[in-house]
Amino acid sequence: MKLILAILSNEDSSAANHLLNKNGFQVTKLATTGGFLRAGNTTLMIGCEDDLVEKAIQLIEESSRKRIEMVPTAAGYDMGRYMNLPMEVQVGGATIFVIDVEQFKKV
């Protein structure tokens, strides 16, 4: 058995959750925050048998898309003053971890 942890943008999480449920996967949804952009995202926890891992990953890929967004950054200049300069950052997509499950019990 495997545990899949998939970190997605909030924009993609509902579609991924729906698609996984529609295909028979049970999903636990957690609200999380990323460190770099400090933006909200969603972590999906999916427990499944080894032979279903690739199917779950495929469904997550289908429902997560990468996109470019402009985010403000603080750049210092002259005498400690700052100005916000926008920076292009790729967001979206998914970061997926697959972990071996040593034991699983439902009580």
Protein backbone atom coordinates (compact mmCIF):
# COMPACT_ATOMS: atom_id res chain seq x y z
CA MET A 1 0.00 0.00 0.00
CA LYS A 2 1.11 3.57 -0.74
CA LEU A 3 0.28 7.02 0.57
CA ILE A 4 0.26 9.76 -2.06
CA LEU A 5 0.72 13.35 -0.89
CA ALA A 6 -0.12 15.80 -3.67
CA ILE A 7 0.42 19.52 -3.12
CA LEU A 8 -1.72 21.60 -5.50
CA SER A 9 -2.82 25.18 -5.87
CA ASN A 10 -6.21 25.95 -4.36
CA GLU A 11 -7.45 26.71 -7.89
CA ASP A 12 -6.80 23.13 -9.02
CA SER A 13 -7.73 21.20 -5.88
CA SER A 14 -11.49 20.91 -6.41
CA ALA A 15 -11.09 19.51 -9.93
CA ALA A 16 -8.44 17.02 -8.74
CA ASN A 17 -10.54 15.94 -5.76
CA HIS A 18 -13.62 15.46 -7.96
CA LEU A 19 -11.71 13.49 -10.61
CA LEU A 20 -10.04 11.23 -8.02
CA ASN A 21 -13.37 10.55 -6.25
CA LYS A 22 -15.08 9.85 -9.58
CA ASN A 23 -12.42 7.19 -10.25
CA GLY A 24 -12.86 5.47 -6.89
CA PHE A 25 -10.07 7.08 -4.85
CA GLN A 26 -10.76 8.25 -1.32
CA VAL A 27 -9.14 11.62 -0.67
CA THR A 28 -8.40 13.62 2.46
CA LYS A 29 -8.00 17.34 1.74
CA LEU A 30 -5.77 19.56 3.91
CA ALA A 31 -5.38 23.34 3.72
CA THR A 32 -1.66 24.16 3.64
CA THR A 33 0.58 27.16 2.97
CA GLY A 34 3.62 27.23 0.73
CA GLY A 35 6.86 28.75 1.96
CA PHE A 36 8.09 30.65 -1.11
CA LEU A 37 4.97 32.53 -2.21
CA ARG A 38 3.29 32.25 1.20
CA ALA A 39 0.14 31.46 -0.73
CA GLY A 40 -2.55 29.03 0.26
CA ASN A 41 -2.52 25.65 -1.37
CA THR A 42 -4.06 22.25 -0.83
CA THR A 43 -2.46 18.94 0.09
CA LEU A 44 -4.39 15.83 -0.91
CA MET A 45 -3.72 12.57 0.94
CA ILE A 46 -4.62 9.45 -1.02
CA GLY A 47 -4.11 5.91 0.25
CA CYS A 48 -4.14 3.25 -2.46
CA GLU A 49 -2.77 -0.09 -3.53
CA ASP A 50 0.57 -0.13 -5.33
CA ASP A 51 -0.96 -0.91 -8.73
CA LEU A 52 -3.20 2.20 -8.58
CA VAL A 53 -0.46 4.77 -7.92
CA GLU A 54 0.17 5.61 -11.59
CA LYS A 55 -3.56 6.04 -12.24
CA ALA A 56 -3.86 8.47 -9.30
CA ILE A 57 -0.84 10.46 -10.49
CA GLN A 58 -2.27 10.61 -14.02
CA LEU A 59 -5.57 11.99 -12.68
CA ILE A 60 -3.74 14.62 -10.61
CA GLU A 61 -1.70 15.65 -13.67
CA GLU A 62 -4.89 15.99 -15.75
CA SER A 63 -6.47 18.35 -13.24
CA SER A 64 -3.42 20.49 -12.35
CA ARG A 65 -2.04 23.03 -14.76
CA LYS A 66 1.02 25.24 -14.55
CA ARG A 67 0.67 28.96 -15.20
CA ILE A 68 2.74 32.12 -14.89
CA GLU A 69 1.73 34.82 -12.38
CA MET A 70 3.27 38.13 -11.47
CA VAL A 71 4.06 38.48 -7.76
CA PRO A 72 5.37 41.60 -6.02
CA THR A 73 8.87 41.53 -4.57
CA ALA A 74 10.58 44.13 -2.44
CA ALA A 75 13.80 45.47 -3.97
CA GLY A 76 16.03 47.78 -1.96
CA TYR A 77 17.52 50.93 -3.37
CA ASP A 78 19.14 54.13 -2.13
CA MET A 79 19.02 54.92 1.61
CA GLY A 80 17.01 51.89 2.72
CA ARG A 81 13.93 52.69 0.66
CA TYR A 82 12.12 49.87 -1.09
CA MET A 83 9.98 49.56 -4.15
CA ASN A 84 7.84 46.65 -5.27
CA LEU A 85 9.03 45.07 -8.48
CA PRO A 86 6.81 42.39 -10.00
CA MET A 87 8.46 39.07 -10.76
CA GLU A 88 7.18 36.26 -12.99
CA VAL A 89 6.72 33.01 -11.08
CA GLN A 90 5.48 29.65 -12.33
CA VAL A 91 2.61 28.43 -10.15
CA GLY A 92 0.22 25.55 -10.32
CA GLY A 93 0.97 22.02 -11.32
CA ALA A 94 1.49 19.56 -8.50
CA THR A 95 4.25 18.29 -6.25
CA ILE A 96 3.65 14.60 -5.56
CA PHE A 97 5.22 12.33 -2.95
CA VAL A 98 4.60 8.57 -2.89
CA ILE A 99 5.35 6.92 0.45
CA ASP A 100 5.33 3.25 1.45
CA VAL A 101 2.72 2.46 4.10
CA GLU A 102 4.00 -0.04 6.63
CA GLN A 103 0.64 -0.56 8.30
CA PHE A 104 -2.91 0.62 7.67
CA LYS A 105 -5.87 0.22 10.02
CA LYS A 106 -9.33 1.71 9.94
CA VAL A 107 -10.89 1.68 13.41
